[in-house]
Amino acid sequence: MPTQTEIELQAAAFRRLQKHLMEDRTDVQNIDMMNLAGFCRNCLSRWYQEAASEKGIDISKEEAREIFYGMSMDRWKSEFQTEASSAQQDAFKVAFEENVGKT
């Protein structure tokens, strides 16, 4: 498969994942994604920001999140985020350390 075609297919798959999380499954909480899969919407937006930086494009964390969420983080939280249980928060600490690293 030609490299350009592969890039286009990868980009299309990413856009579909983004749409799925942005529009189709707003009920899926970031903490659950992180606890189960080791990444969440914030990770995806950070990876987007890092990819932009590699190309010499400066995008802030807030801008990258808005690009990925389709709205501001504050609006997302107010419309879709639910309160995390103690068990979810404990699991998140482990998942974050294992997948993102110590802060």
N, C-alpha and C. Protein backbone atom coordinates (compact mmCIF):
# COMPACT_ATOMS: atom_id res chain seq x y z
N MET A 1 0.85 -1.18 0.00
CA MET A 1 0.00 0.00 0.00
C MET A 1 0.90 1.24 0.00
N PRO A 2 0.61 2.20 -0.84
CA PRO A 2 1.40 3.43 -0.87
C PRO A 2 1.35 4.16 0.48
N THR A 3 2.47 4.76 0.85
CA THR A 3 2.58 5.45 2.13
C THR A 3 1.50 6.50 2.32
N GLN A 4 1.24 7.30 1.29
CA GLN A 4 0.23 8.35 1.40
C GLN A 4 -1.15 7.75 1.66
N THR A 5 -1.46 6.65 1.02
CA THR A 5 -2.75 5.99 1.24
C THR A 5 -2.84 5.50 2.68
N GLU A 6 -1.77 4.91 3.18
CA GLU A 6 -1.76 4.43 4.56
C GLU A 6 -1.97 5.59 5.54
N ILE A 7 -1.31 6.71 5.29
CA ILE A 7 -1.48 7.90 6.14
C ILE A 7 -2.93 8.37 6.11
N GLU A 8 -3.51 8.40 4.94
CA GLU A 8 -4.91 8.84 4.81
C GLU A 8 -5.87 7.89 5.53
N LEU A 9 -5.61 6.60 5.45
CA LEU A 9 -6.46 5.64 6.15
C LEU A 9 -6.30 5.76 7.67
N GLN A 10 -5.08 5.95 8.11
CA GLN A 10 -4.84 6.15 9.54
C GLN A 10 -5.54 7.41 10.04
N ALA A 11 -5.45 8.48 9.26
CA ALA A 11 -6.11 9.73 9.63
C ALA A 11 -7.62 9.56 9.67
N ALA A 12 -8.17 8.82 8.71
CA ALA A 12 -9.61 8.58 8.69
C ALA A 12 -10.04 7.77 9.91
N ALA A 13 -9.26 6.77 10.28
CA ALA A 13 -9.58 5.96 11.45
C ALA A 13 -9.51 6.81 12.72
N PHE A 14 -8.51 7.69 12.80
CA PHE A 14 -8.40 8.58 13.95
C PHE A 14 -9.61 9.52 14.02
N ARG A 15 -9.98 10.08 12.88
CA ARG A 15 -11.15 10.98 12.88
C ARG A 15 -12.41 10.25 13.32
N ARG A 16 -12.54 8.99 12.92
CA ARG A 16 -13.72 8.20 13.33
C ARG A 16 -13.69 7.92 14.82
N LEU A 17 -12.52 7.62 15.36
CA LEU A 17 -12.38 7.43 16.81
C LEU A 17 -12.74 8.72 17.54
N GLN A 18 -12.24 9.82 17.04
CA GLN A 18 -12.54 11.12 17.63
C GLN A 18 -14.04 11.39 17.61
N LYS A 19 -14.69 11.17 16.49
CA LYS A 19 -16.13 11.38 16.38
C LYS A 19 -16.89 10.45 17.33
N HIS A 20 -16.45 9.21 17.38
CA HIS A 20 -17.11 8.24 18.25
C HIS A 20 -17.08 8.70 19.70
N LEU A 21 -15.93 9.17 20.16
CA LEU A 21 -15.81 9.61 21.55
C LEU A 21 -16.43 10.99 21.78
N MET A 22 -16.41 11.83 20.74
CA MET A 22 -16.92 13.19 20.85
C MET A 22 -18.44 13.25 20.75
N GLU A 23 -19.02 12.41 19.89
CA GLU A 23 -20.45 12.51 19.61
C GLU A 23 -21.25 11.28 20.00
N ASP A 24 -20.72 10.09 19.70
CA ASP A 24 -21.50 8.87 19.88
C ASP A 24 -21.46 8.33 21.30
N ARG A 25 -20.34 8.49 21.99
CA ARG A 25 -20.19 7.90 23.31
C ARG A 25 -19.72 8.91 24.35
N THR A 26 -20.44 10.00 24.44
CA THR A 26 -20.13 11.00 25.46
C THR A 26 -20.36 10.45 26.87
N ASP A 27 -21.07 9.33 26.96
CA ASP A 27 -21.32 8.70 28.26
C ASP A 27 -20.09 7.98 28.80
N VAL A 28 -19.15 7.65 27.94
CA VAL A 28 -17.94 6.96 28.38
C VAL A 28 -17.03 7.98 29.06
N GLN A 29 -16.75 7.73 30.31
CA GLN A 29 -15.95 8.65 31.10
C GLN A 29 -14.46 8.43 30.84
N ASN A 30 -13.69 9.52 30.87
CA ASN A 30 -12.25 9.43 30.68
C ASN A 30 -11.61 8.51 31.71
N ILE A 31 -12.06 8.59 32.94
CA ILE A 31 -11.45 7.78 34.00
C ILE A 31 -11.63 6.29 33.70
N ASP A 32 -12.78 5.92 33.15
CA ASP A 32 -13.01 4.52 32.79
C ASP A 32 -12.11 4.10 31.64
N MET A 33 -11.95 4.97 30.64
CA MET A 33 -11.06 4.67 29.53
C MET A 33 -9.63 4.47 30.03
N MET A 34 -9.19 5.37 30.89
CA MET A 34 -7.83 5.29 31.41
C MET A 34 -7.64 4.02 32.23
N ASN A 35 -8.62 3.71 33.06
CA ASN A 35 -8.50 2.54 33.92
C ASN A 35 -8.51 1.24 33.12
N LEU A 36 -9.26 1.20 32.03
CA LEU A 36 -9.37 -0.02 31.23
C LEU A 36 -8.34 -0.12 30.10
N ALA A 37 -8.08 1.01 29.45
CA ALA A 37 -7.27 0.97 28.23
C ALA A 37 -5.90 1.65 28.38
N GLY A 38 -5.73 2.42 29.44
CA GLY A 38 -4.46 3.10 29.63
C GLY A 38 -4.33 4.40 28.86
N PHE A 39 -5.43 4.88 28.30
CA PHE A 39 -5.44 6.19 27.64
C PHE A 39 -6.86 6.73 27.69
N CYS A 40 -6.99 8.04 27.48
CA CYS A 40 -8.31 8.67 27.49
C CYS A 40 -8.31 9.82 26.48
N ARG A 41 -9.37 10.58 26.48
CA ARG A 41 -9.46 11.71 25.55
C ARG A 41 -8.32 12.70 25.77
N ASN A 42 -7.95 12.92 27.02
CA ASN A 42 -6.86 13.85 27.31
C ASN A 42 -5.54 13.33 26.74
N CYS A 43 -5.32 12.02 26.82
CA CYS A 43 -4.12 11.43 26.22
C CYS A 43 -4.12 11.67 24.71
N LEU A 44 -5.25 11.42 24.09
CA LEU A 44 -5.35 11.62 22.64
C LEU A 44 -5.08 13.07 22.27
N SER A 45 -5.60 14.00 23.05
CA SER A 45 -5.34 15.41 22.75
C SER A 45 -3.87 15.76 22.99
N ARG A 46 -3.26 15.14 24.01
CA ARG A 46 -1.83 15.37 24.26
C ARG A 46 -1.00 14.81 23.12
N TRP A 47 -1.35 13.64 22.61
CA TRP A 47 -0.62 13.05 21.49
C TRP A 47 -0.77 13.93 20.26
N TYR A 48 -1.93 14.52 20.08
CA TYR A 48 -2.17 15.45 18.97
C TYR A 48 -1.24 16.66 19.12
N GLN A 49 -1.17 17.20 20.33
CA GLN A 49 -0.32 18.35 20.61
C GLN A 49 1.15 17.99 20.37
N GLU A 50 1.57 16.82 20.80
CA GLU A 50 2.95 16.38 20.59
C GLU A 50 3.27 16.22 19.11
N ALA A 51 2.32 15.67 18.33
CA ALA A 51 2.52 15.52 16.89
C ALA A 51 2.65 16.88 16.22
N ALA A 52 1.83 17.84 16.66
CA ALA A 52 1.93 19.20 16.12
C ALA A 52 3.29 19.79 16.43
N SER A 53 3.75 19.60 17.65
CA SER A 53 5.04 20.14 18.07
C SER A 53 6.18 19.56 17.22
N GLU A 54 6.08 18.27 16.91
CA GLU A 54 7.10 17.63 16.05
C GLU A 54 7.15 18.27 14.66
N LYS A 55 6.04 18.87 14.24
CA LYS A 55 5.98 19.55 12.95
C LYS A 55 6.25 21.05 13.07
N GLY A 56 6.63 21.49 14.28
CA GLY A 56 6.92 22.90 14.50
C GLY A 56 5.68 23.75 14.69
N ILE A 57 4.54 23.12 15.01
CA ILE A 57 3.29 23.84 15.22
C ILE A 57 3.04 23.93 16.71
N ASP A 58 2.88 25.14 17.22
CA ASP A 58 2.67 25.36 18.64
C ASP A 58 1.18 25.38 18.95
N ILE A 59 0.72 24.38 19.68
CA ILE A 59 -0.67 24.30 20.11
C ILE A 59 -0.66 24.11 21.63
N SER A 60 -1.43 24.89 22.34
CA SER A 60 -1.49 24.75 23.79
C SER A 60 -2.29 23.51 24.17
N LYS A 61 -2.16 23.10 25.42
CA LYS A 61 -2.92 21.95 25.91
C LYS A 61 -4.40 22.21 25.78
N GLU A 62 -4.83 23.42 26.11
CA GLU A 62 -6.25 23.77 26.01
C GLU A 62 -6.74 23.72 24.57
N GLU A 63 -5.92 24.24 23.65
CA GLU A 63 -6.30 24.21 22.22
C GLU A 63 -6.40 22.78 21.71
N ALA A 64 -5.44 21.94 22.09
CA ALA A 64 -5.46 20.55 21.65
C ALA A 64 -6.69 19.83 22.20
N ARG A 65 -7.02 20.09 23.45
CA ARG A 65 -8.21 19.46 24.04
C ARG A 65 -9.47 19.94 23.33
N GLU A 66 -9.54 21.21 23.03
CA GLU A 66 -10.73 21.72 22.34
C GLU A 66 -10.85 21.13 20.94
N ILE A 67 -9.73 20.94 20.27
CA ILE A 67 -9.75 20.30 18.95
C ILE A 67 -10.27 18.88 19.09
N PHE A 68 -9.83 18.17 20.11
CA PHE A 68 -10.24 16.77 20.24
C PHE A 68 -11.64 16.62 20.82
N TYR A 69 -11.99 17.43 21.81
CA TYR A 69 -13.31 17.33 22.43
C TYR A 69 -14.41 18.00 21.61
N GLY A 70 -14.03 18.96 20.77
CA GLY A 70 -15.03 19.69 20.00
C GLY A 70 -15.66 20.82 20.80
N MET A 71 -15.12 21.11 21.95
CA MET A 71 -15.61 22.17 22.84
C MET A 71 -14.57 22.39 23.92
N SER A 72 -14.77 23.40 24.73
CA SER A 72 -13.83 23.65 25.82
C SER A 72 -13.91 22.53 26.86
N MET A 73 -12.83 22.35 27.58
CA MET A 73 -12.81 21.33 28.63
C MET A 73 -13.85 21.63 29.71
N ASP A 74 -14.01 22.90 30.06
CA ASP A 74 -15.02 23.27 31.06
C ASP A 74 -16.42 22.88 30.60
N ARG A 75 -16.72 23.15 29.34
CA ARG A 75 -18.04 22.79 28.82
C ARG A 75 -18.22 21.27 28.81
N TRP A 76 -17.20 20.54 28.37
CA TRP A 76 -17.28 19.08 28.37
C TRP A 76 -17.58 18.56 29.78
N LYS A 77 -16.82 19.05 30.74
CA LYS A 77 -17.02 18.60 32.12
C LYS A 77 -18.43 18.89 32.60
N SER A 78 -18.92 20.08 32.32
CA SER A 78 -20.26 20.45 32.81
C SER A 78 -21.36 19.65 32.12
N GLU A 79 -21.17 19.28 30.86
CA GLU A 79 -22.21 18.57 30.12
C GLU A 79 -22.13 17.05 30.23
N PHE A 80 -20.92 16.50 30.38
CA PHE A 80 -20.79 15.05 30.25
C PHE A 80 -20.08 14.33 31.40
N GLN A 81 -19.22 15.02 32.13
CA GLN A 81 -18.44 14.32 33.15
C GLN A 81 -19.27 14.06 34.39
N THR A 82 -19.13 12.85 34.92
CA THR A 82 -19.81 12.48 36.15
C THR A 82 -18.79 12.35 37.28
N GLU A 83 -19.28 12.30 38.50
CA GLU A 83 -18.40 12.17 39.66
C GLU A 83 -17.79 10.77 39.69
N ALA A 84 -16.50 10.69 39.89
CA ALA A 84 -15.81 9.40 39.95
C ALA A 84 -15.92 8.82 41.35
N SER A 85 -16.11 7.52 41.41
CA SER A 85 -16.18 6.83 42.71
C SER A 85 -14.77 6.71 43.30
N SER A 86 -14.70 6.37 44.55
CA SER A 86 -13.40 6.15 45.20
C SER A 86 -12.63 5.03 44.51
N ALA A 87 -13.33 3.97 44.14
CA ALA A 87 -12.69 2.85 43.45
C ALA A 87 -12.12 3.29 42.10
N GLN A 88 -12.88 4.10 41.36
CA GLN A 88 -12.39 4.60 40.08
C GLN A 88 -11.16 5.47 40.27
N GLN A 89 -11.19 6.33 41.28
CA GLN A 89 -10.06 7.21 41.55
C GLN A 89 -8.81 6.42 41.95
N ASP A 90 -8.98 5.38 42.76
CA ASP A 90 -7.85 4.54 43.16
C ASP A 90 -7.26 3.83 41.95
N ALA A 91 -8.12 3.26 41.10
CA ALA A 91 -7.66 2.57 39.90
C ALA A 91 -6.97 3.54 38.95
N PHE A 92 -7.47 4.78 38.90
CA PHE A 92 -6.88 5.79 38.03
C PHE A 92 -5.44 6.10 38.44
N LYS A 93 -5.19 6.19 39.74
CA LYS A 93 -3.83 6.49 40.21
C LYS A 93 -2.85 5.44 39.69
N VAL A 94 -3.25 4.19 39.74
CA VAL A 94 -2.40 3.10 39.25
C VAL A 94 -2.25 3.19 37.73
N ALA A 95 -3.37 3.34 37.03
CA ALA A 95 -3.34 3.39 35.57
C ALA A 95 -2.53 4.58 35.07
N PHE A 96 -2.69 5.72 35.71
CA PHE A 96 -1.94 6.90 35.29
C PHE A 96 -0.45 6.68 35.45
N GLU A 97 -0.05 6.16 36.61
CA GLU A 97 1.36 5.93 36.85
C GLU A 97 1.94 4.93 35.85
N GLU A 98 1.18 3.88 35.57
CA GLU A 98 1.66 2.85 34.65
C GLU A 98 1.73 3.34 33.20
N ASN A 99 0.82 4.21 32.81
CA ASN A 99 0.71 4.59 31.40
C ASN A 99 1.22 5.98 31.07
N VAL A 100 1.20 6.87 32.01
CA VAL A 100 1.64 8.24 31.74
C VAL A 100 2.93 8.56 32.49
N GLY A 101 3.04 8.05 33.68
CA GLY A 101 4.23 8.28 34.49
C GLY A 101 3.93 9.10 35.72
N LYS A 102 4.86 9.07 36.60
CA LYS A 102 4.69 9.82 37.85
C LYS A 102 4.75 11.31 37.58
N THR A 103 3.92 12.05 38.33
CA THR A 103 3.93 13.51 38.18
C THR A 103 4.75 14.16 39.27
